[in-house]
Amino acid sequence: MDPWGCEVVEVTEVPEFEDNFTPAAEVEKLSDSAEYIAILEKKLKAVRSKNKVVENLAAYRADCITRLMREGCDLDPVIGDTESEKLLKD
């Protein structure tokens, strides 16, 4: 018994899939494909030369780690931010 009250229909015939994923024998290129690829390569080169964000962040991270290792980590200002906390600490 179907709890949702739907009628179950059995399908005996499975439709055949139209594409068997084999490449076509010949690929016909468009007339402007060489120009399009050249434009895409030019844009990619521009993006690669301008986008230094990851490199800059990596350098900043390395600099922060170096400073922390050299100078140490002083948590006193964080623990006693206010004058009353500093007085209670002493």
PDB file of N, CA and C in Angstrom:
ATOM      1  N   MET A   1       0.843  -1.186   0.000  1.00  0.00           N
ATOM      2  CA  MET A   1       0.000   0.000   0.000  1.00  0.00           C
ATOM      3  C   MET A   1       0.887   1.248   0.000  1.00  0.00           C
ATOM      4  N   ASP A   2       0.530   2.215  -0.816  1.00  0.00           N
ATOM      5  CA  ASP A   2       1.282   3.456  -0.947  1.00  0.00           C
ATOM      6  C   ASP A   2       0.796   4.445   0.102  1.00  0.00           C
ATOM      7  N   PRO A   3       1.673   4.898   1.042  1.00  0.00           N
ATOM      8  CA  PRO A   3       1.224   5.811   2.097  1.00  0.00           C
ATOM      9  C   PRO A   3       0.800   7.181   1.591  1.00  0.00           C
ATOM     10  N   TRP A   4       1.243   7.598   0.426  1.00  0.00           N
ATOM     11  CA  TRP A   4       0.901   8.907  -0.111  1.00  0.00           C
ATOM     12  C   TRP A   4      -0.303   8.854  -1.040  1.00  0.00           C
ATOM     13  N   GLY A   5      -0.790   7.663  -1.291  1.00  0.00           N
ATOM     14  CA  GLY A   5      -1.957   7.514  -2.146  1.00  0.00           C
ATOM     15  C   GLY A   5      -1.656   7.707  -3.608  1.00  0.00           C
ATOM     16  N   CYS A   6      -0.414   7.522  -4.006  1.00  0.00           N
ATOM     17  CA  CYS A   6      -0.033   7.662  -5.406  1.00  0.00           C
ATOM     18  C   CYS A   6      -0.133   6.304  -6.086  1.00  0.00           C
ATOM     19  N   GLU A   7      -0.455   6.351  -7.314  1.00  0.00           N
ATOM     20  CA  GLU A   7      -0.546   5.121  -8.082  1.00  0.00           C
ATOM     21  C   GLU A   7       0.825   4.797  -8.667  1.00  0.00           C
ATOM     22  N   VAL A   8       1.278   3.575  -8.505  1.00  0.00           N
ATOM     23  CA  VAL A   8       2.574   3.152  -9.007  1.00  0.00           C
ATOM     24  C   VAL A   8       2.402   2.595 -10.411  1.00  0.00           C
ATOM     25  N   VAL A   9       3.158   3.167 -11.347  1.00  0.00           N
ATOM     26  CA  VAL A   9       3.091   2.724 -12.728  1.00  0.00           C
ATOM     27  C   VAL A   9       4.413   2.068 -13.066  1.00  0.00           C
ATOM     28  N   GLU A  10       4.367   0.849 -13.549  1.00  0.00           N
ATOM     29  CA  GLU A  10       5.585   0.140 -13.913  1.00  0.00           C
ATOM     30  C   GLU A  10       5.959   0.455 -15.352  1.00  0.00           C
ATOM     31  N   VAL A  11       7.226   0.766 -15.574  1.00  0.00           N
ATOM     32  CA  VAL A  11       7.717   1.052 -16.912  1.00  0.00           C
ATOM     33  C   VAL A  11       8.535  -0.143 -17.353  1.00  0.00           C
ATOM     34  N   THR A  12       8.138  -0.745 -18.397  1.00  0.00           N
ATOM     35  CA  THR A  12       8.849  -1.929 -18.881  1.00  0.00           C
ATOM     36  C   THR A  12       9.842  -1.584 -19.975  1.00  0.00           C
ATOM     37  N   GLU A  13       9.627  -0.499 -20.694  1.00  0.00           N
ATOM     38  CA  GLU A  13      10.507  -0.129 -21.798  1.00  0.00           C
ATOM     39  C   GLU A  13      11.383   1.054 -21.379  1.00  0.00           C
ATOM     40  N   VAL A  14      12.698   0.895 -21.480  1.00  0.00           N
ATOM     41  CA  VAL A  14      13.640   1.962 -21.142  1.00  0.00           C
ATOM     42  C   VAL A  14      14.022   2.668 -22.435  1.00  0.00           C
ATOM     43  N   PRO A  15      13.848   3.999 -22.490  1.00  0.00           N
ATOM     44  CA  PRO A  15      14.214   4.702 -23.726  1.00  0.00           C
ATOM     45  C   PRO A  15      15.728   4.680 -23.930  1.00  0.00           C
ATOM     46  N   GLU A  16      16.141   4.646 -25.175  1.00  0.00           N
ATOM     47  CA  GLU A  16      17.567   4.593 -25.507  1.00  0.00           C
ATOM     48  C   GLU A  16      18.166   5.988 -25.441  1.00  0.00           C
ATOM     49  N   PHE A  17      19.365   6.083 -24.883  1.00  0.00           N
ATOM     50  CA  PHE A  17      20.056   7.359 -24.779  1.00  0.00           C
ATOM     51  C   PHE A  17      20.594   7.737 -26.146  1.00  0.00           C
ATOM     52  N   GLU A  18      20.444   9.019 -26.507  1.00  0.00           N
ATOM     53  CA  GLU A  18      20.781   9.456 -27.856  1.00  0.00           C
ATOM     54  C   GLU A  18      22.274   9.641 -28.096  1.00  0.00           C
ATOM     55  N   ASP A  19      23.035  10.021 -27.066  1.00  0.00           N
ATOM     56  CA  ASP A  19      24.450  10.310 -27.249  1.00  0.00           C
ATOM     57  C   ASP A  19      25.278   9.254 -26.536  1.00  0.00           C
ATOM     58  N   ASN A  20      26.247   8.683 -27.232  1.00  0.00           N
ATOM     59  CA  ASN A  20      27.106   7.676 -26.609  1.00  0.00           C
ATOM     60  C   ASN A  20      28.466   8.257 -26.212  1.00  0.00           C
ATOM     61  N   PHE A  21      28.600   9.579 -26.243  1.00  0.00           N
ATOM     62  CA  PHE A  21      29.788  10.316 -25.801  1.00  0.00           C
ATOM     63  C   PHE A  21      31.048   9.982 -26.599  1.00  0.00           C
ATOM     64  N   THR A  22      30.907   9.590 -27.816  1.00  0.00           N
ATOM     65  CA  THR A  22      32.079   9.408 -28.673  1.00  0.00           C
ATOM     66  C   THR A  22      32.266  10.693 -29.469  1.00  0.00           C
ATOM     67  N   PRO A  23      33.507  11.143 -29.605  1.00  0.00           N
ATOM     68  CA  PRO A  23      33.732  12.401 -30.341  1.00  0.00           C
ATOM     69  C   PRO A  23      33.413  12.236 -31.821  1.00  0.00           C
ATOM     70  N   ALA A  24      33.008  13.325 -32.411  1.00  0.00           N
ATOM     71  CA  ALA A  24      32.723  13.321 -33.840  1.00  0.00           C
ATOM     72  C   ALA A  24      34.012  13.109 -34.618  1.00  0.00           C
ATOM     73  N   ALA A  25      33.912  12.538 -35.778  1.00  0.00           N
ATOM     74  CA  ALA A  25      35.091  12.238 -36.588  1.00  0.00           C
ATOM     75  C   ALA A  25      35.838  13.516 -36.966  1.00  0.00           C
ATOM     76  N   GLU A  26      35.117  14.529 -37.398  1.00  0.00           N
ATOM     77  CA  GLU A  26      35.750  15.785 -37.783  1.00  0.00           C
ATOM     78  C   GLU A  26      35.183  16.922 -36.949  1.00  0.00           C
ATOM     79  N   VAL A  27      36.072  17.798 -36.523  1.00  0.00           N
ATOM     80  CA  VAL A  27      35.648  18.978 -35.788  1.00  0.00           C
ATOM     81  C   VAL A  27      35.861  20.174 -36.696  1.00  0.00           C
ATOM     82  N   GLU A  28      34.793  20.898 -36.939  1.00  0.00           N
ATOM     83  CA  GLU A  28      34.886  22.048 -37.826  1.00  0.00           C
ATOM     84  C   GLU A  28      35.083  23.305 -36.988  1.00  0.00           C
ATOM     85  N   LYS A  29      36.205  23.985 -37.190  1.00  0.00           N
ATOM     86  CA  LYS A  29      36.489  25.202 -36.439  1.00  0.00           C
ATOM     87  C   LYS A  29      35.761  26.376 -37.061  1.00  0.00           C
ATOM     88  N   LEU A  30      35.443  27.324 -36.211  1.00  0.00           N
ATOM     89  CA  LEU A  30      34.805  28.535 -36.706  1.00  0.00           C
ATOM     90  C   LEU A  30      35.827  29.397 -37.420  1.00  0.00           C
ATOM     91  N   SER A  31      35.364  30.287 -38.253  1.00  0.00           N
ATOM     92  CA  SER A  31      36.278  31.103 -39.056  1.00  0.00           C
ATOM     93  C   SER A  31      37.107  32.056 -38.203  1.00  0.00           C
ATOM     94  N   ASP A  32      36.591  32.504 -37.067  1.00  0.00           N
ATOM     95  CA  ASP A  32      37.316  33.462 -36.234  1.00  0.00           C
ATOM     96  C   ASP A  32      37.904  32.818 -34.977  1.00  0.00           C
ATOM     97  N   SER A  33      38.083  31.518 -34.968  1.00  0.00           N
ATOM     98  CA  SER A  33      38.570  30.837 -33.767  1.00  0.00           C
ATOM     99  C   SER A  33      39.999  31.241 -33.407  1.00  0.00           C
ATOM    100  N   ALA A  34      40.854  31.453 -34.385  1.00  0.00           N
ATOM    101  CA  ALA A  34      42.234  31.858 -34.102  1.00  0.00           C
ATOM    102  C   ALA A  34      42.261  33.239 -33.437  1.00  0.00           C
ATOM    103  N   GLU A  35      41.433  34.153 -33.930  1.00  0.00           N
ATOM    104  CA  GLU A  35      41.367  35.486 -33.337  1.00  0.00           C
ATOM    105  C   GLU A  35      40.821  35.419 -31.910  1.00  0.00           C
ATOM    106  N   TYR A  36      39.807  34.596 -31.699  1.00  0.00           N
ATOM    107  CA  TYR A  36      39.199  34.452 -30.379  1.00  0.00           C
ATOM    108  C   TYR A  36      40.200  33.891 -29.374  1.00  0.00           C
ATOM    109  N   ILE A  37      40.952  32.893 -29.777  1.00  0.00           N
ATOM    110  CA  ILE A  37      41.971  32.308 -28.894  1.00  0.00           C
ATOM    111  C   ILE A  37      43.053  33.330 -28.581  1.00  0.00           C
ATOM    112  N   ALA A  38      43.449  34.118 -29.564  1.00  0.00           N
ATOM    113  CA  ALA A  38      44.461  35.149 -29.338  1.00  0.00           C
ATOM    114  C   ALA A  38      43.963  36.186 -28.322  1.00  0.00           C
ATOM    115  N   ILE A  39      42.701  36.574 -28.419  1.00  0.00           N
ATOM    116  CA  ILE A  39      42.139  37.537 -27.472  1.00  0.00           C
ATOM    117  C   ILE A  39      42.100  36.943 -26.071  1.00  0.00           C
ATOM    118  N   LEU A  40      41.693  35.677 -25.957  1.00  0.00           N
ATOM    119  CA  LEU A  40      41.654  35.022 -24.644  1.00  0.00           C
ATOM    120  C   LEU A  40      43.041  34.910 -24.031  1.00  0.00           C
ATOM    121  N   GLU A  41      44.044  34.568 -24.837  1.00  0.00           N
ATOM    122  CA  GLU A  41      45.416  34.476 -24.327  1.00  0.00           C
ATOM    123  C   GLU A  41      45.928  35.834 -23.868  1.00  0.00           C
ATOM    124  N   LYS A  42      45.562  36.895 -24.573  1.00  0.00           N
ATOM    125  CA  LYS A  42      45.958  38.245 -24.190  1.00  0.00           C
ATOM    126  C   LYS A  42      45.325  38.627 -22.849  1.00  0.00           C
ATOM    127  N   LYS A  43      44.043  38.289 -22.665  1.00  0.00           N
ATOM    128  CA  LYS A  43      43.361  38.580 -21.408  1.00  0.00           C
ATOM    129  C   LYS A  43      43.966  37.775 -20.258  1.00  0.00           C
ATOM    130  N   LEU A  44      44.289  36.528 -20.516  1.00  0.00           N
ATOM    131  CA  LEU A  44      44.900  35.689 -19.481  1.00  0.00           C
ATOM    132  C   LEU A  44      46.250  36.245 -19.053  1.00  0.00           C
ATOM    133  N   LYS A  45      47.038  36.702 -20.003  1.00  0.00           N
ATOM    134  CA  LYS A  45      48.342  37.287 -19.690  1.00  0.00           C
ATOM    135  C   LYS A  45      48.173  38.548 -18.841  1.00  0.00           C
ATOM    136  N   ALA A  46      47.177  39.365 -19.181  1.00  0.00           N
ATOM    137  CA  ALA A  46      46.930  40.584 -18.410  1.00  0.00           C
ATOM    138  C   ALA A  46      46.495  40.259 -16.991  1.00  0.00           C
ATOM    139  N   VAL A  47      45.640  39.260 -16.842  1.00  0.00           N
ATOM    140  CA  VAL A  47      45.167  38.880 -15.509  1.00  0.00           C
ATOM    141  C   VAL A  47      46.315  38.335 -14.671  1.00  0.00           C
ATOM    142  N   ARG A  48      47.140  37.513 -15.267  1.00  0.00           N
ATOM    143  CA  ARG A  48      48.281  36.945 -14.527  1.00  0.00           C
ATOM    144  C   ARG A  48      49.273  38.012 -14.102  1.00  0.00           C
ATOM    145  N   SER A  49      49.483  39.029 -14.915  1.00  0.00           N
ATOM    146  CA  SER A  49      50.462  40.056 -14.564  1.00  0.00           C
ATOM    147  C   SER A  49      49.910  41.036 -13.533  1.00  0.00           C
ATOM    148  N   LYS A  50      48.603  41.300 -13.548  1.00  0.00           N
ATOM    149  CA  LYS A  50      48.009  42.261 -12.626  1.00  0.00           C
ATOM    150  C   LYS A  50      47.633  41.641 -11.287  1.00  0.00           C
ATOM    151  N   ASN A  51      47.317  40.386 -11.272  1.00  0.00           N
ATOM    152  CA  ASN A  51      46.787  39.762 -10.065  1.00  0.00           C
ATOM    153  C   ASN A  51      47.917  39.247  -9.190  1.00  0.00           C
ATOM    154  N   LYS A  52      48.370  40.084  -8.317  1.00  0.00           N
ATOM    155  CA  LYS A  52      49.446  39.724  -7.394  1.00  0.00           C
ATOM    156  C   LYS A  52      48.917  39.632  -5.964  1.00  0.00           C
ATOM    157  N   VAL A  53      47.604  39.517  -5.803  1.00  0.00           N
ATOM    158  CA  VAL A  53      46.998  39.528  -4.478  1.00  0.00           C
ATOM    159  C   VAL A  53      47.501  38.359  -3.639  1.00  0.00           C
ATOM    160  N   VAL A  54      47.510  37.174  -4.221  1.00  0.00           N
ATOM    161  CA  VAL A  54      47.932  35.988  -3.476  1.00  0.00           C
ATOM    162  C   VAL A  54      49.398  36.098  -3.071  1.00  0.00           C
ATOM    163  N   GLU A  55      50.219  36.559  -3.983  1.00  0.00           N
ATOM    164  CA  GLU A  55      51.643  36.720  -3.676  1.00  0.00           C
ATOM    165  C   GLU A  55      51.851  37.776  -2.588  1.00  0.00           C
ATOM    166  N   ASN A  56      51.109  38.874  -2.667  1.00  0.00           N
ATOM    167  CA  ASN A  56      51.238  39.919  -1.655  1.00  0.00           C
ATOM    168  C   ASN A  56      50.787  39.429  -0.285  1.00  0.00           C
ATOM    169  N   LEU A  57      49.683  38.669  -0.243  1.00  0.00           N
ATOM    170  CA  LEU A  57      49.209  38.129   1.024  1.00  0.00           C
ATOM    171  C   LEU A  57      50.195  37.119   1.605  1.00  0.00           C
ATOM    172  N   ALA A  58      50.802  36.309   0.752  1.00  0.00           N
ATOM    173  CA  ALA A  58      51.790  35.344   1.232  1.00  0.00           C
ATOM    174  C   ALA A  58      53.008  36.060   1.808  1.00  0.00           C
ATOM    175  N   ALA A  59      53.442  37.129   1.153  1.00  0.00           N
ATOM    176  CA  ALA A  59      54.581  37.893   1.656  1.00  0.00           C
ATOM    177  C   ALA A  59      54.225  38.582   2.983  1.00  0.00           C
ATOM    178  N   TYR A  60      53.015  39.123   3.085  1.00  0.00           N
ATOM    179  CA  TYR A  60      52.582  39.767   4.326  1.00  0.00           C
ATOM    180  C   TYR A  60      52.507  38.751   5.466  1.00  0.00           C
ATOM    181  N   ARG A  61      51.996  37.567   5.171  1.00  0.00           N
ATOM    182  CA  ARG A  61      51.912  36.505   6.175  1.00  0.00           C
ATOM    183  C   ARG A  61      53.304  36.110   6.661  1.00  0.00           C
ATOM    184  N   ALA A  62      54.228  35.934   5.727  1.00  0.00           N
ATOM    185  CA  ALA A  62      55.598  35.571   6.100  1.00  0.00           C
ATOM    186  C   ALA A  62      56.234  36.662   6.953  1.00  0.00           C
ATOM    187  N   ASP A  63      55.969  37.925   6.608  1.00  0.00           N
ATOM    188  CA  ASP A  63      56.507  39.033   7.390  1.00  0.00           C
ATOM    189  C   ASP A  63      55.922  39.048   8.803  1.00  0.00           C
ATOM    190  N   CYS A  64      54.628  38.800   8.928  1.00  0.00           N
ATOM    191  CA  CYS A  64      53.993  38.759  10.255  1.00  0.00           C
ATOM    192  C   CYS A  64      54.559  37.628  11.102  1.00  0.00           C
ATOM    193  N   ILE A  65      54.752  36.479  10.505  1.00  0.00           N
ATOM    194  CA  ILE A  65      55.315  35.341  11.241  1.00  0.00           C
ATOM    195  C   ILE A  65      56.740  35.648  11.691  1.00  0.00           C
ATOM    196  N   THR A  66      57.513  36.272  10.818  1.00  0.00           N
ATOM    197  CA  THR A  66      58.883  36.633  11.166  1.00  0.00           C
ATOM    198  C   THR A  66      58.906  37.619  12.327  1.00  0.00           C
ATOM    199  N   ARG A  67      58.033  38.636  12.281  1.00  0.00           N
ATOM    200  CA  ARG A  67      57.972  39.607  13.380  1.00  0.00           C
ATOM    201  C   ARG A  67      57.543  38.957  14.684  1.00  0.00           C
ATOM    202  N   LEU A  68      56.563  38.060  14.636  1.00  0.00           N
ATOM    203  CA  LEU A  68      56.124  37.372  15.847  1.00  0.00           C
ATOM    204  C   LEU A  68      57.234  36.513  16.436  1.00  0.00           C
ATOM    205  N   MET A  69      57.985  35.853  15.584  1.00  0.00           N
ATOM    206  CA  MET A  69      59.076  35.004  16.064  1.00  0.00           C
ATOM    207  C   MET A  69      60.209  35.847  16.646  1.00  0.00           C
ATOM    208  N   ARG A  70      60.488  36.996  16.022  1.00  0.00           N
ATOM    209  CA  ARG A  70      61.585  37.841  16.457  1.00  0.00           C
ATOM    210  C   ARG A  70      61.228  38.626  17.725  1.00  0.00           C
ATOM    211  N   GLU A  71      60.049  39.228  17.746  1.00  0.00           N
ATOM    212  CA  GLU A  71      59.673  40.104  18.846  1.00  0.00           C
ATOM    213  C   GLU A  71      58.894  39.387  19.937  1.00  0.00           C
ATOM    214  N   GLY A  72      58.346  38.244  19.642  1.00  0.00           N
ATOM    215  CA  GLY A  72      57.538  37.526  20.623  1.00  0.00           C
ATOM    216  C   GLY A  72      56.119  38.048  20.644  1.00  0.00           C
ATOM    217  N   CYS A  73      55.309  37.423  21.430  1.00  0.00           N
ATOM    218  CA  CYS A  73      53.909  37.788  21.520  1.00  0.00           C
ATOM    219  C   CYS A  73      53.629  38.277  22.933  1.00  0.00           C
ATOM    220  N   ASP A  74      53.352  39.546  23.095  1.00  0.00           N
ATOM    221  CA  ASP A  74      53.102  40.143  24.402  1.00  0.00           C
ATOM    222  C   ASP A  74      51.597  40.286  24.587  1.00  0.00           C
ATOM    223  N   LEU A  75      51.013  39.514  25.494  1.00  0.00           N
ATOM    224  CA  LEU A  75      49.578  39.541  25.708  1.00  0.00           C
ATOM    225  C   LEU A  75      49.159  40.490  26.824  1.00  0.00           C
ATOM    226  N   ASP A  76      50.090  41.149  27.489  1.00  0.00           N
ATOM    227  CA  ASP A  76      49.740  42.036  28.597  1.00  0.00           C
ATOM    228  C   ASP A  76      48.759  43.133  28.193  1.00  0.00           C
ATOM    229  N   PRO A  77      48.937  43.811  27.072  1.00  0.00           N
ATOM    230  CA  PRO A  77      47.962  44.839  26.708  1.00  0.00           C
ATOM    231  C   PRO A  77      46.561  44.265  26.485  1.00  0.00           C
ATOM    232  N   VAL A  78      46.464  43.027  26.069  1.00  0.00           N
ATOM    233  CA  VAL A  78      45.165  42.426  25.830  1.00  0.00           C
ATOM    234  C   VAL A  78      44.489  42.088  27.149  1.00  0.00           C
ATOM    235  N   ILE A  79      45.253  41.587  28.124  1.00  0.00           N
ATOM    236  CA  ILE A  79      44.685  41.187  29.414  1.00  0.00           C
ATOM    237  C   ILE A  79      44.248  42.408  30.205  1.00  0.00           C
ATOM    238  N   GLY A  80      45.053  43.425  30.274  1.00  0.00           N
ATOM    239  CA  GLY A  80      44.722  44.608  31.071  1.00  0.00           C
ATOM    240  C   GLY A  80      44.472  45.799  30.198  1.00  0.00           C
ATOM    241  N   ASP A  81      43.357  45.832  29.526  1.00  0.00           N
ATOM    242  CA  ASP A  81      43.066  46.944  28.630  1.00  0.00           C
ATOM    243  C   ASP A  81      42.712  48.220  29.385  1.00  0.00           C
ATOM    244  N   THR A  82      42.005  48.091  30.482  1.00  0.00           N
ATOM    245  CA  THR A  82      41.565  49.284  31.194  1.00  0.00           C
ATOM    246  C   THR A  82      42.412  49.477  32.448  1.00  0.00           C
ATOM    247  N   GLU A  83      42.379  50.678  32.993  1.00  0.00           N
ATOM    248  CA  GLU A  83      43.154  50.995  34.190  1.00  0.00           C
ATOM    249  C   GLU A  83      42.663  50.183  35.396  1.00  0.00           C
ATOM    250  N   SER A  84      41.348  49.965  35.503  1.00  0.00           N
ATOM    251  CA  SER A  84      40.822  49.207  36.643  1.00  0.00           C
ATOM    252  C   SER A  84      41.299  47.757  36.584  1.00  0.00           C
ATOM    253  N   GLU A  85      41.377  47.186  35.401  1.00  0.00           N
ATOM    254  CA  GLU A  85      41.897  45.824  35.285  1.00  0.00           C
ATOM    255  C   GLU A  85      43.353  45.760  35.652  1.00  0.00           C
ATOM    256  N   LYS A  86      44.098  46.806  35.300  1.00  0.00           N
ATOM    257  CA  LYS A  86      45.528  46.836  35.634  1.00  0.00           C
ATOM    258  C   LYS A  86      45.702  46.940  37.145  1.00  0.00           C
ATOM    259  N   LEU A  87      44.855  47.729  37.823  1.00  0.00           N
ATOM    260  CA  LEU A  87      44.940  47.851  39.261  1.00  0.00           C
ATOM    261  C   LEU A  87      44.557  46.555  39.965  1.00  0.00           C
ATOM    262  N   LEU A  88      43.552  45.839  39.414  1.00  0.00           N
ATOM    263  CA  LEU A  88      43.150  44.565  40.007  1.00  0.00           C
ATOM    264  C   LEU A  88      44.215  43.500  39.838  1.00  0.00           C
ATOM    265  N   LYS A  89      44.967  43.604  38.772  1.00  0.00           N
ATOM    266  CA  LYS A  89      46.003  42.626  38.484  1.00  0.00           C
ATOM    267  C   LYS A  89      47.142  42.749  39.495  1.00  0.00           C
ATOM    268  N   ASP A  90      47.497  43.952  39.908  1.00  0.00           N
ATOM    269  CA  ASP A  90      48.611  44.171  40.821  1.00  0.00           C
ATOM    270  C   ASP A  90      48.267  43.830  42.183  1.00  0.00           C
TER     271      ASP A  90
END
